[in-house]
Amino acid sequence: MAKFWKILLSVFTFFVVMLASTAAVEIHFGEPRPGFVPLMTLVIAGPILWLIWRKRKQQQ
């Protein structure tokens, strides 16, 4: 069940970051620049996804 929540959180994170990076690129350049969005999305979402999917130590 934990994997289901990780997948759901990952998808939600990816879409939120994609919307935010799209808005930031459009505000910065004043016009849509779809070529920059995937790179910004991966740079921002990468560390967040790593935190979600890293292996944690088992508590005793």
PDB file of N, CA and C in Angstrom:
ATOM      1  N   MET A   1       0.812  -1.195   0.000  1.00  0.00           N
ATOM      2  CA  MET A   1       0.000   0.000   0.000  1.00  0.00           C
ATOM      3  C   MET A   1       0.859   1.265   0.000  1.00  0.00           C
ATOM      4  N   ALA A   2       2.033   1.179   0.602  1.00  0.00           N
ATOM      5  CA  ALA A   2       2.912   2.348   0.647  1.00  0.00           C
ATOM      6  C   ALA A   2       3.370   2.752  -0.744  1.00  0.00           C
ATOM      7  N   LYS A   3       3.577   1.767  -1.614  1.00  0.00           N
ATOM      8  CA  LYS A   3       4.015   2.060  -2.979  1.00  0.00           C
ATOM      9  C   LYS A   3       2.932   2.835  -3.730  1.00  0.00           C
ATOM     10  N   PHE A   4       1.667   2.503  -3.477  1.00  0.00           N
ATOM     11  CA  PHE A   4       0.561   3.225  -4.108  1.00  0.00           C
ATOM     12  C   PHE A   4       0.611   4.705  -3.757  1.00  0.00           C
ATOM     13  N   TRP A   5       0.839   5.026  -2.478  1.00  0.00           N
ATOM     14  CA  TRP A   5       0.885   6.416  -2.048  1.00  0.00           C
ATOM     15  C   TRP A   5       2.108   7.133  -2.602  1.00  0.00           C
ATOM     16  N   LYS A   6       3.220   6.425  -2.739  1.00  0.00           N
ATOM     17  CA  LYS A   6       4.406   7.034  -3.330  1.00  0.00           C
ATOM     18  C   LYS A   6       4.172   7.374  -4.799  1.00  0.00           C
ATOM     19  N   ILE A   7       3.516   6.472  -5.513  1.00  0.00           N
ATOM     20  CA  ILE A   7       3.214   6.731  -6.923  1.00  0.00           C
ATOM     21  C   ILE A   7       2.254   7.905  -7.050  1.00  0.00           C
ATOM     22  N   LEU A   8       1.221   7.920  -6.238  1.00  0.00           N
ATOM     23  CA  LEU A   8       0.248   9.014  -6.263  1.00  0.00           C
ATOM     24  C   LEU A   8       0.920  10.343  -5.928  1.00  0.00           C
ATOM     25  N   LEU A   9       1.755  10.371  -4.914  1.00  0.00           N
ATOM     26  CA  LEU A   9       2.462  11.589  -4.530  1.00  0.00           C
ATOM     27  C   LEU A   9       3.446  12.028  -5.618  1.00  0.00           C
ATOM     28  N   SER A  10       4.089  11.076  -6.279  1.00  0.00           N
ATOM     29  CA  SER A  10       5.023  11.399  -7.351  1.00  0.00           C
ATOM     30  C   SER A  10       4.306  12.038  -8.539  1.00  0.00           C
ATOM     31  N   VAL A  11       3.173  11.478  -8.933  1.00  0.00           N
ATOM     32  CA  VAL A  11       2.410  12.034 -10.049  1.00  0.00           C
ATOM     33  C   VAL A  11       1.912  13.429  -9.704  1.00  0.00           C
ATOM     34  N   PHE A  12       1.374  13.594  -8.504  1.00  0.00           N
ATOM     35  CA  PHE A  12       0.896  14.902  -8.069  1.00  0.00           C
ATOM     36  C   PHE A  12       2.036  15.919  -8.051  1.00  0.00           C
ATOM     37  N   THR A  13       3.178  15.540  -7.511  1.00  0.00           N
ATOM     38  CA  THR A  13       4.344  16.421  -7.456  1.00  0.00           C
ATOM     39  C   THR A  13       4.790  16.823  -8.851  1.00  0.00           C
ATOM     40  N   PHE A  14       4.849  15.852  -9.756  1.00  0.00           N
ATOM     41  CA  PHE A  14       5.300  16.135 -11.114  1.00  0.00           C
ATOM     42  C   PHE A  14       4.386  17.147 -11.799  1.00  0.00           C
ATOM     43  N   PHE A  15       3.057  16.971 -11.670  1.00  0.00           N
ATOM     44  CA  PHE A  15       2.131  17.892 -12.330  1.00  0.00           C
ATOM     45  C   PHE A  15       2.156  19.284 -11.700  1.00  0.00           C
ATOM     46  N   VAL A  16       2.275  19.363 -10.388  1.00  0.00           N
ATOM     47  CA  VAL A  16       2.345  20.673  -9.733  1.00  0.00           C
ATOM     48  C   VAL A  16       3.615  21.406 -10.138  1.00  0.00           C
ATOM     49  N   VAL A  17       4.728  20.692 -10.166  1.00  0.00           N
ATOM     50  CA  VAL A  17       5.994  21.315 -10.564  1.00  0.00           C
ATOM     51  C   VAL A  17       5.945  21.726 -12.027  1.00  0.00           C
ATOM     52  N   MET A  18       5.318  20.913 -12.870  1.00  0.00           N
ATOM     53  CA  MET A  18       5.218  21.261 -14.281  1.00  0.00           C
ATOM     54  C   MET A  18       4.381  22.533 -14.471  1.00  0.00           C
ATOM     55  N   LEU A  19       3.272  22.641 -13.767  1.00  0.00           N
ATOM     56  CA  LEU A  19       2.457  23.858 -13.867  1.00  0.00           C
ATOM     57  C   LEU A  19       3.218  25.080 -13.359  1.00  0.00           C
ATOM     58  N   ALA A  20       3.935  24.922 -12.274  1.00  0.00           N
ATOM     59  CA  ALA A  20       4.694  26.039 -11.719  1.00  0.00           C
ATOM     60  C   ALA A  20       5.825  26.463 -12.656  1.00  0.00           C
ATOM     61  N   SER A  21       6.532  25.498 -13.233  1.00  0.00           N
ATOM     62  CA  SER A  21       7.627  25.864 -14.132  1.00  0.00           C
ATOM     63  C   SER A  21       7.093  26.464 -15.429  1.00  0.00           C
ATOM     64  N   THR A  22       5.946  25.996 -15.900  1.00  0.00           N
ATOM     65  CA  THR A  22       5.334  26.596 -17.090  1.00  0.00           C
ATOM     66  C   THR A  22       4.974  28.049 -16.824  1.00  0.00           C
ATOM     67  N   ALA A  23       4.369  28.299 -15.674  1.00  0.00           N
ATOM     68  CA  ALA A  23       4.002  29.674 -15.320  1.00  0.00           C
ATOM     69  C   ALA A  23       5.242  30.547 -15.162  1.00  0.00           C
ATOM     70  N   ALA A  24       6.274  30.022 -14.541  1.00  0.00           N
ATOM     71  CA  ALA A  24       7.496  30.807 -14.332  1.00  0.00           C
ATOM     72  C   ALA A  24       8.172  31.150 -15.653  1.00  0.00           C
ATOM     73  N   VAL A  25       8.233  30.197 -16.564  1.00  0.00           N
ATOM     74  CA  VAL A  25       8.848  30.461 -17.877  1.00  0.00           C
ATOM     75  C   VAL A  25       8.036  31.495 -18.641  1.00  0.00           C
ATOM     76  N   GLU A  26       6.722  31.367 -18.595  1.00  0.00           N
ATOM     77  CA  GLU A  26       5.888  32.318 -19.330  1.00  0.00           C
ATOM     78  C   GLU A  26       5.967  33.719 -18.723  1.00  0.00           C
ATOM     79  N   ILE A  27       6.040  33.813 -17.414  1.00  0.00           N
ATOM     80  CA  ILE A  27       6.177  35.124 -16.774  1.00  0.00           C
ATOM     81  C   ILE A  27       7.540  35.728 -17.095  1.00  0.00           C
ATOM     82  N   HIS A  28       8.577  34.908 -17.070  1.00  0.00           N
ATOM     83  CA  HIS A  28       9.929  35.416 -17.305  1.00  0.00           C
ATOM     84  C   HIS A  28      10.124  35.889 -18.743  1.00  0.00           C
ATOM     85  N   PHE A  29       9.706  35.089 -19.714  1.00  0.00           N
ATOM     86  CA  PHE A  29       9.931  35.420 -21.114  1.00  0.00           C
ATOM     87  C   PHE A  29       8.789  36.232 -21.734  1.00  0.00           C
ATOM     88  N   GLY A  30       7.621  36.237 -21.113  1.00  0.00           N
ATOM     89  CA  GLY A  30       6.502  36.982 -21.648  1.00  0.00           C
ATOM     90  C   GLY A  30       5.744  36.249 -22.738  1.00  0.00           C
ATOM     91  N   GLU A  31       6.151  35.053 -23.042  1.00  0.00           N
ATOM     92  CA  GLU A  31       5.480  34.214 -24.047  1.00  0.00           C
ATOM     93  C   GLU A  31       5.764  32.753 -23.722  1.00  0.00           C
ATOM     94  N   PRO A  32       4.941  31.847 -24.205  1.00  0.00           N
ATOM     95  CA  PRO A  32       5.193  30.420 -23.932  1.00  0.00           C
ATOM     96  C   PRO A  32       6.497  29.947 -24.585  1.00  0.00           C
ATOM     97  N   ARG A  33       7.315  29.250 -23.842  1.00  0.00           N
ATOM     98  CA  ARG A  33       8.557  28.653 -24.357  1.00  0.00           C
ATOM     99  C   ARG A  33       8.586  27.187 -23.914  1.00  0.00           C
ATOM    100  N   PRO A  34       7.863  26.307 -24.626  1.00  0.00           N
ATOM    101  CA  PRO A  34       7.735  24.924 -24.164  1.00  0.00           C
ATOM    102  C   PRO A  34       9.042  24.142 -24.132  1.00  0.00           C
ATOM    103  N   GLY A  35      10.066  24.606 -24.768  1.00  0.00           N
ATOM    104  CA  GLY A  35      11.339  23.893 -24.751  1.00  0.00           C
ATOM    105  C   GLY A  35      12.038  23.926 -23.404  1.00  0.00           C
ATOM    106  N   PHE A  36      11.780  24.934 -22.609  1.00  0.00           N
ATOM    107  CA  PHE A  36      12.432  25.070 -21.310  1.00  0.00           C
ATOM    108  C   PHE A  36      11.709  24.326 -20.189  1.00  0.00           C
ATOM    109  N   VAL A  37      10.440  24.029 -20.381  1.00  0.00           N
ATOM    110  CA  VAL A  37       9.623  23.460 -19.308  1.00  0.00           C
ATOM    111  C   VAL A  37      10.106  22.074 -18.861  1.00  0.00           C
ATOM    112  N   PRO A  38      10.378  21.117 -19.766  1.00  0.00           N
ATOM    113  CA  PRO A  38      10.815  19.792 -19.281  1.00  0.00           C
ATOM    114  C   PRO A  38      12.115  19.846 -18.476  1.00  0.00           C
ATOM    115  N   LEU A  39      13.055  20.671 -18.904  1.00  0.00           N
ATOM    116  CA  LEU A  39      14.316  20.774 -18.173  1.00  0.00           C
ATOM    117  C   LEU A  39      14.096  21.344 -16.777  1.00  0.00           C
ATOM    118  N   MET A  40      13.319  22.414 -16.690  1.00  0.00           N
ATOM    119  CA  MET A  40      13.042  22.996 -15.370  1.00  0.00           C
ATOM    120  C   MET A  40      12.264  22.028 -14.486  1.00  0.00           C
ATOM    121  N   THR A  41      11.338  21.296 -15.087  1.00  0.00           N
ATOM    122  CA  THR A  41      10.547  20.344 -14.315  1.00  0.00           C
ATOM    123  C   THR A  41      11.440  19.258 -13.718  1.00  0.00           C
ATOM    124  N   LEU A  42      12.356  18.730 -14.501  1.00  0.00           N
ATOM    125  CA  LEU A  42      13.244  17.687 -13.990  1.00  0.00           C
ATOM    126  C   LEU A  42      14.205  18.216 -12.938  1.00  0.00           C
ATOM    127  N   VAL A  43      14.688  19.423 -13.133  1.00  0.00           N
ATOM    128  CA  VAL A  43      15.628  19.996 -12.158  1.00  0.00           C
ATOM    129  C   VAL A  43      14.941  20.242 -10.820  1.00  0.00           C
ATOM    130  N   ILE A  44      13.695  20.704 -10.861  1.00  0.00           N
ATOM    131  CA  ILE A  44      12.979  20.996  -9.616  1.00  0.00           C
ATOM    132  C   ILE A  44      12.399  19.729  -8.995  1.00  0.00           C
ATOM    133  N   ALA A  45      11.810  18.866  -9.820  1.00  0.00           N
ATOM    134  CA  ALA A  45      11.135  17.679  -9.291  1.00  0.00           C
ATOM    135  C   ALA A  45      12.113  16.564  -8.925  1.00  0.00           C
ATOM    136  N   GLY A  46      13.295  16.558  -9.499  1.00  0.00           N
ATOM    137  CA  GLY A  46      14.261  15.493  -9.225  1.00  0.00           C
ATOM    138  C   GLY A  46      14.567  15.295  -7.756  1.00  0.00           C
ATOM    139  N   PRO A  47      14.983  16.334  -7.042  1.00  0.00           N
ATOM    140  CA  PRO A  47      15.265  16.160  -5.609  1.00  0.00           C
ATOM    141  C   PRO A  47      14.029  15.779  -4.792  1.00  0.00           C
ATOM    142  N   ILE A  48      12.873  16.305  -5.187  1.00  0.00           N
ATOM    143  CA  ILE A  48      11.641  15.960  -4.462  1.00  0.00           C
ATOM    144  C   ILE A  48      11.315  14.480  -4.658  1.00  0.00           C
ATOM    145  N   LEU A  49      11.437  14.006  -5.892  1.00  0.00           N
ATOM    146  CA  LEU A  49      11.170  12.591  -6.163  1.00  0.00           C
ATOM    147  C   LEU A  49      12.191  11.696  -5.482  1.00  0.00           C
ATOM    148  N   TRP A  50      13.429  12.154  -5.393  1.00  0.00           N
ATOM    149  CA  TRP A  50      14.447  11.371  -4.680  1.00  0.00           C
ATOM    150  C   TRP A  50      14.063  11.233  -3.209  1.00  0.00           C
ATOM    151  N   LEU A  51      13.577  12.319  -2.601  1.00  0.00           N
ATOM    152  CA  LEU A  51      13.153  12.244  -1.197  1.00  0.00           C
ATOM    153  C   LEU A  51      11.981  11.289  -1.009  1.00  0.00           C
ATOM    154  N   ILE A  52      11.081  11.261  -1.977  1.00  0.00           N
ATOM    155  CA  ILE A  52       9.928  10.366  -1.867  1.00  0.00           C
ATOM    156  C   ILE A  52      10.353   8.908  -1.987  1.00  0.00           C
ATOM    157  N   TRP A  53      11.245   8.592  -2.904  1.00  0.00           N
ATOM    158  CA  TRP A  53      11.566   7.206  -3.228  1.00  0.00           C
ATOM    159  C   TRP A  53      12.817   6.652  -2.563  1.00  0.00           C
ATOM    160  N   ARG A  54      13.540   7.435  -1.766  1.00  0.00           N
ATOM    161  CA  ARG A  54      14.754   6.905  -1.139  1.00  0.00           C
ATOM    162  C   ARG A  54      14.394   5.814  -0.133  1.00  0.00           C
ATOM    163  N   LYS A  55      15.353   4.939   0.079  1.00  0.00           N
ATOM    164  CA  LYS A  55      15.147   3.887   1.070  1.00  0.00           C
ATOM    165  C   LYS A  55      15.460   4.470   2.434  1.00  0.00           C
ATOM    166  N   ARG A  56      14.583   4.210   3.361  1.00  0.00           N
ATOM    167  CA  ARG A  56      14.759   4.724   4.722  1.00  0.00           C
ATOM    168  C   ARG A  56      15.170   3.588   5.646  1.00  0.00           C
ATOM    169  N   LYS A  57      15.865   3.964   6.701  1.00  0.00           N
ATOM    170  CA  LYS A  57      16.257   2.956   7.687  1.00  0.00           C
ATOM    171  C   LYS A  57      15.018   2.484   8.435  1.00  0.00           C
ATOM    172  N   GLN A  58      15.010   1.211   8.725  1.00  0.00           N
ATOM    173  CA  GLN A  58      13.897   0.632   9.471  1.00  0.00           C
ATOM    174  C   GLN A  58      14.021   0.998  10.937  1.00  0.00           C
ATOM    175  N   GLN A  59      12.936   1.449  11.530  1.00  0.00           N
ATOM    176  CA  GLN A  59      12.952   1.764  12.954  1.00  0.00           C
ATOM    177  C   GLN A  59      12.723   0.484  13.755  1.00  0.00           C
ATOM    178  N   GLN A  60      13.368   0.417  14.897  1.00  0.00           N
ATOM    179  CA  GLN A  60      13.230  -0.786  15.729  1.00  0.00           C
ATOM    180  C   GLN A  60      12.237  -0.583  16.833  1.00  0.00           C
TER     181      GLN A  60
END
